């Protein structure tokens, strides 16, 4: 069996001393700059893991300034075979209630400023151009484990969902939110893109669980409380506890599975997507 190491990209509630044991922090650099914070190595349920706070431990890095390339590169360089990512989201559909989770299977990209490839022609980048297929952005095998883990942990969870990623850091206007609701997107956030794209380019098994915190701005009724920081923070702590439960269930389940073929296929897709490498 392939030796596994699981990277965890998370935010508030996941950097908890009780979550990861035998902790060792390593500050690293990459050809793409520094990651958001130190890589926290350790074990969860006796499985080797690396925790990386996406926005830094003090949440000082706004979504557009997260060094997504450095984060993904650093986790791959640390030997991670999988990445489990958490993301706080606004709900764009009535049936997705704040406090519920979604295991994402699709995204819509509405960002404008972010580099979405390691192959950008700069001196630090690898040779060629990478045309990564995005029909299925998330690792389906890892997604299914997150679904089973949520059920086992008693977490209300939607088995699939489309995340619409905006640039941020502002929230959507009501007109924008109504449009995104009509498009049929399930949740809205500021971080899934380009993180999932870069993970796909690196050939790593990436899956994301979205945690609904609010109803964004599309609803127009007397009970609608439109998104703001106070609304989001009021439910983030509760979602953080659920996220820890999910990870404690999912990580041992991942470790029990033989990933040799899945990892080989994922890496083959990534390698086969690169064009323009000079023949030697």
Protein backbone atom coordinates (compact mmCIF):
# COMPACT_ATOMS: atom_id res chain seq x y z
CA UNK A 1 0.00 0.00 0.00
CA UNK A 2 1.05 3.58 -0.68
CA UNK A 3 2.24 5.44 2.41
CA UNK A 4 -0.35 8.09 3.24
CA UNK A 5 -0.05 11.56 4.68
CA UNK A 6 -3.08 13.83 4.90
CA UNK A 7 -2.89 17.58 4.54
CA UNK A 8 -5.62 19.60 6.21
CA UNK A 9 -6.32 23.15 5.04
CA UNK A 10 -8.64 24.82 7.47
CA UNK A 11 -9.60 27.92 9.32
CA UNK A 12 -11.14 28.88 12.64
CA UNK A 13 -11.73 25.94 14.97
CA UNK A 14 -9.32 23.47 13.38
CA UNK A 15 -6.03 24.59 14.94
CA UNK A 16 -6.73 22.86 18.23
CA UNK A 17 -4.08 21.09 20.35
CA UNK A 18 -6.53 18.24 20.93
CA UNK A 19 -6.96 17.59 17.21
CA UNK A 20 -3.37 16.85 16.18
CA UNK A 21 -0.90 15.07 18.48
CA UNK A 22 2.92 14.98 18.49
CA UNK A 23 2.84 18.47 16.98
CA UNK A 24 5.92 19.89 15.31
CA UNK A 25 5.88 23.20 13.48
CA UNK A 26 8.00 23.85 10.40
CA UNK A 27 8.23 27.17 8.58
CA UNK A 28 9.10 26.50 4.95
CA UNK A 29 9.65 28.37 1.72
CA UNK A 30 8.69 27.32 -1.80
CA UNK A 31 9.53 28.43 -5.35
CA UNK A 32 6.22 30.31 -5.18
CA UNK A 33 6.88 32.10 -1.89
CA UNK A 34 5.90 31.36 1.68
CA UNK A 35 2.76 29.44 2.72
CA UNK A 36 0.12 31.07 4.89
CA UNK A 37 1.70 29.82 8.13
CA UNK A 38 3.89 27.10 9.58
CA UNK A 39 3.14 23.53 8.57
CA UNK A 40 1.96 21.72 11.70
CA UNK A 41 3.04 18.09 11.47
CA UNK A 42 1.62 15.44 13.76
CA UNK A 43 -0.80 12.55 14.03
CA UNK A 44 -4.58 12.29 14.05
CA UNK A 45 -5.81 8.85 15.08
CA UNK A 46 -2.25 7.56 14.47
CA UNK A 47 -2.28 8.82 10.87
CA UNK A 48 0.42 11.24 9.70
CA UNK A 49 -1.13 14.64 9.02
CA UNK A 50 -0.06 18.19 8.20
CA UNK A 51 -2.27 21.09 9.23
CA UNK A 52 -2.09 24.45 7.45
CA UNK A 53 -4.31 27.42 8.41
CA UNK A 54 -5.38 28.94 5.08
CA UNK A 55 -5.62 32.52 6.33
CA UNK A 56 -2.89 32.20 8.97
CA UNK A 57 -3.64 31.34 12.57
CA UNK A 58 -4.75 34.89 13.35
CA UNK A 59 -6.86 35.14 10.16
CA UNK A 60 -4.77 38.03 8.86
CA UNK A 61 -4.60 37.03 5.18
CA UNK A 62 -7.56 38.07 3.04
CA UNK A 63 -8.82 35.54 0.44
CA UNK A 64 -7.21 37.19 -2.60
CA UNK A 65 -3.83 37.38 -0.82
CA UNK A 66 -3.67 33.73 0.25
CA UNK A 67 -0.64 32.21 -1.46
CA UNK A 68 -2.54 29.21 -2.78
CA UNK A 69 0.35 27.98 -4.90
CA UNK A 70 2.77 28.03 -1.99
CA UNK A 71 0.24 26.27 0.27
CA UNK A 72 -0.41 23.42 -2.17
CA UNK A 73 3.25 23.10 -3.16
CA UNK A 74 4.34 22.97 0.49
CA UNK A 75 1.86 20.21 1.36
CA UNK A 76 2.90 18.15 -1.65
CA UNK A 77 6.58 18.68 -0.83
CA UNK A 78 5.84 17.51 2.73
CA UNK A 79 4.66 14.20 1.28
CA UNK A 80 0.90 14.65 1.48
CA UNK A 81 -1.10 12.27 -0.69
CA UNK A 82 -4.45 13.80 0.26
CA UNK A 83 -5.80 17.23 1.15
CA UNK A 84 -8.97 17.72 3.17
CA UNK A 85 -10.10 21.33 3.04
CA UNK A 86 -12.75 23.08 5.08
CA UNK A 87 -14.50 26.22 3.86
CA UNK A 88 -17.06 28.49 5.49
CA UNK A 89 -19.83 29.33 3.03
CA UNK A 90 -23.06 31.22 2.61
CA UNK A 91 -26.10 29.19 1.54
CA UNK A 92 -27.65 30.08 -1.80
CA UNK A 93 -30.56 27.63 -1.52
CA UNK A 94 -33.39 27.40 1.01
CA UNK A 95 -32.82 23.71 1.74
CA UNK A 96 -29.20 24.29 2.80
CA UNK A 97 -29.61 25.44 6.37
CA UNK A 98 -26.85 27.28 8.28
CA UNK A 99 -25.03 24.69 10.36
CA UNK A 100 -25.28 21.98 7.69
CA UNK A 101 -22.31 20.67 5.70
CA UNK A 102 -21.90 19.96 1.98
CA UNK A 103 -19.31 17.67 0.41
CA UNK A 104 -18.48 19.71 -2.68
CA UNK A 105 -18.38 18.14 -6.14
CA UNK A 106 -18.40 21.21 -8.43
CA UNK A 107 -17.44 24.88 -8.50
CA UNK A 108 -18.20 28.07 -10.41
CA UNK A 109 -15.32 30.53 -10.59
CA UNK A 110 -16.10 34.23 -10.20
CA UNK A 111 -12.61 35.30 -9.11
CA UNK A 112 -10.61 37.78 -11.15
CA UNK A 113 -7.15 38.27 -9.61
CA UNK A 114 -5.76 34.83 -8.81
CA UNK A 115 -3.07 32.75 -10.49
CA UNK A 116 -4.63 29.35 -11.15
CA UNK A 117 -1.64 27.37 -12.40
CA UNK A 118 1.90 26.46 -11.43
CA UNK A 119 2.81 26.61 -15.14
CA UNK A 120 2.75 30.37 -15.65
CA UNK A 121 5.98 30.76 -17.63
CA UNK A 122 7.90 32.40 -14.79
CA UNK A 123 11.40 31.28 -13.82
CA UNK A 124 10.06 29.46 -10.74
CA UNK A 125 7.47 27.49 -12.69
CA UNK A 126 7.85 24.09 -14.35
CA UNK A 127 8.11 23.92 -18.15
CA UNK A 128 5.06 23.69 -20.36
CA UNK A 129 1.40 24.67 -20.10
CA UNK A 130 -1.02 22.63 -18.03
CA UNK A 131 -4.54 22.21 -19.43
CA UNK A 132 -6.08 20.47 -16.45
CA UNK A 133 -9.42 18.70 -17.00
CA UNK A 134 -12.05 19.99 -14.58
CA UNK A 135 -15.08 17.82 -15.31
CA UNK A 136 -14.66 16.33 -11.83
CA UNK A 137 -12.57 18.78 -9.79
CA UNK A 138 -12.68 16.88 -6.48
CA UNK A 139 -11.38 13.38 -5.73
CA UNK A 140 -14.50 11.20 -5.82
CA UNK A 141 -13.05 8.43 -3.63
CA UNK A 142 -12.11 10.93 -0.92
CA UNK A 143 -15.51 12.64 -1.26
CA UNK A 144 -17.31 9.37 -0.60
CA UNK A 145 -15.30 8.84 2.58
CA UNK A 146 -16.22 12.32 3.82
CA UNK A 147 -19.89 11.51 3.16
CA UNK A 148 -19.66 8.26 5.14
CA UNK A 149 -17.73 9.98 7.93
CA UNK A 150 -20.37 12.73 8.22
CA UNK A 151 -23.11 10.11 8.48
CA UNK A 152 -21.14 8.24 11.15
CA UNK A 153 -20.53 11.46 13.10
CA UNK A 154 -24.23 12.42 12.94
CA UNK A 155 -23.56 15.60 10.96
CA UNK A 156 -26.33 16.92 8.71
CA UNK A 157 -24.66 16.80 5.34
CA UNK A 158 -25.57 17.25 1.68
CA UNK A 159 -23.77 14.64 -0.42
CA UNK A 160 -22.91 17.03 -3.23
CA UNK A 161 -22.87 20.72 -3.88
CA UNK A 162 -21.59 23.47 -6.16
CA UNK A 163 -19.51 26.22 -4.58
CA UNK A 164 -19.45 29.60 -6.28
CA UNK A 165 -16.19 31.34 -5.42
CA UNK A 166 -16.10 35.14 -5.46
CA UNK A 167 -13.05 37.36 -5.15
CA UNK A 168 -13.94 38.92 -1.81
CA UNK A 169 -13.19 40.12 0.76
CA UNK A 170 -16.56 41.88 0.55
CA UNK A 171 -19.78 39.90 0.62
CA UNK A 172 -22.11 39.87 -2.40
CA UNK A 173 -24.62 42.59 -3.16
CA UNK A 174 -28.23 41.45 -3.04
CA UNK A 175 -28.43 41.62 -6.85
CA UNK A 176 -25.36 39.41 -7.19
CA UNK A 177 -26.63 36.97 -4.59
CA UNK A 178 -30.02 36.66 -6.34
CA UNK A 179 -28.20 35.98 -9.62
CA UNK A 180 -26.04 33.26 -8.06
CA UNK A 181 -29.13 31.73 -6.43
CA UNK A 182 -30.88 31.62 -9.83
CA UNK A 183 -27.84 30.03 -11.42
CA UNK A 184 -28.39 27.07 -9.10
CA UNK A 185 -25.14 27.30 -7.14
CA UNK A 186 -25.52 25.80 -3.67
CA UNK A 187 -23.08 27.82 -1.58
CA UNK A 188 -20.85 30.86 -1.97
CA UNK A 189 -17.33 31.29 -0.64
CA UNK A 190 -14.01 33.00 -1.33
CA UNK A 191 -11.39 30.21 -1.30
CA UNK A 192 -12.28 27.03 -3.24
CA UNK A 193 -10.77 28.51 -6.41
CA UNK A 194 -7.88 28.28 -7.15
CA UNK A 195 -7.11 25.83 -4.33
CA UNK A 196 -8.90 22.86 -5.93
CA UNK A 197 -7.45 23.68 -9.36
CA UNK A 198 -3.88 23.74 -8.08
CA UNK A 199 -4.37 20.50 -6.15
CA UNK A 200 -5.63 18.87 -9.36
CA UNK A 201 -2.59 20.16 -11.22
CA UNK A 202 -0.32 18.55 -8.61
CA UNK A 203 -2.13 15.22 -8.88
CA UNK A 204 -3.19 15.13 -5.23
CA UNK A 205 -6.43 13.66 -3.86
CA UNK A 206 -8.32 16.80 -2.79
CA UNK A 207 -11.77 16.98 -1.23
CA UNK A 208 -13.57 19.84 0.50
CA UNK A 209 -16.37 20.08 3.02
CA UNK A 210 -18.33 23.31 3.00
CA UNK A 211 -19.85 24.57 6.24
CA UNK A 212 -22.91 26.79 5.77
CA UNK A 213 -22.89 29.78 8.13
CA UNK A 214 -25.63 32.05 6.73
CA UNK A 215 -28.07 32.64 3.85
CA UNK A 216 -25.95 35.26 2.06
CA UNK A 217 -28.10 38.14 0.70
CA UNK A 218 -30.56 36.64 -1.79
CA UNK A 219 -33.56 36.07 0.47
CA UNK A 220 -36.14 38.81 0.83
CA UNK A 221 -38.48 38.05 3.71
CA UNK A 222 -39.06 39.21 7.26
CA UNK A 223 -36.97 36.38 8.72
CA UNK A 224 -34.00 36.90 6.45
CA UNK A 225 -30.86 38.00 8.30
CA UNK A 226 -28.38 39.08 5.65
CA UNK A 227 -24.77 38.00 5.88
CA UNK A 228 -22.34 40.00 8.00
CA UNK A 229 -19.35 39.15 10.18
CA UNK A 230 -21.44 38.88 13.35
CA UNK A 231 -23.83 36.38 11.72
CA UNK A 232 -20.96 34.29 10.36
CA UNK A 233 -19.00 34.21 13.62
CA UNK A 234 -22.06 33.20 15.62
CA UNK A 235 -22.12 29.80 13.94
CA UNK A 236 -18.44 29.28 13.09
CA UNK A 237 -17.57 27.86 16.52
CA UNK A 238 -20.35 25.27 16.27
CA UNK A 239 -19.24 24.35 12.75
CA UNK A 240 -15.63 24.07 13.93
CA UNK A 241 -16.61 21.41 16.45
CA UNK A 242 -18.46 19.49 13.74
CA UNK A 243 -15.45 19.78 11.44
CA UNK A 244 -13.21 18.19 14.07
CA UNK A 245 -15.67 15.33 14.50
CA UNK A 246 -15.76 14.83 10.75
CA UNK A 247 -11.97 14.70 10.48
CA UNK A 248 -11.65 12.30 13.40
CA UNK A 249 -14.01 9.93 11.60
CA UNK A 250 -12.70 10.44 8.05
CA UNK A 251 -8.96 10.22 8.58
CA UNK A 252 -8.87 6.62 9.91
CA UNK A 253 -11.24 5.61 7.11
CA UNK A 254 -8.85 7.06 4.53
CA UNK A 255 -5.92 5.25 6.16
CA UNK A 256 -7.64 1.87 5.93
CA UNK A 257 -8.10 2.09 2.15
CA UNK A 258 -5.53 1.09 -0.47
CA UNK A 259 -4.99 4.24 -2.54
CA UNK A 260 -2.27 2.93 -4.85
CA UNK A 261 -4.39 2.91 -8.00
CA UNK A 262 -6.30 6.13 -7.26
CA UNK A 263 -3.11 8.07 -6.58
CA UNK A 264 -1.43 6.65 -9.70
CA UNK A 265 -4.40 7.61 -11.87
CA UNK A 266 -4.63 11.10 -10.35
CA UNK A 267 -0.94 11.76 -10.96
CA UNK A 268 -1.18 10.36 -14.50
CA UNK A 269 -3.99 12.80 -15.34
CA UNK A 270 -1.92 15.69 -13.99
CA UNK A 271 1.20 14.65 -15.91
CA UNK A 272 -0.78 14.05 -19.10
CA UNK A 273 -2.27 17.55 -18.96
CA UNK A 274 1.07 19.30 -19.55
CA UNK A 275 1.83 20.40 -23.11
CA UNK A 276 4.80 22.16 -24.70
CA UNK A 277 7.63 20.49 -22.81
CA UNK A 278 10.70 20.43 -25.10
CA UNK A 279 11.72 16.90 -26.08
CA UNK A 280 15.16 15.87 -24.88
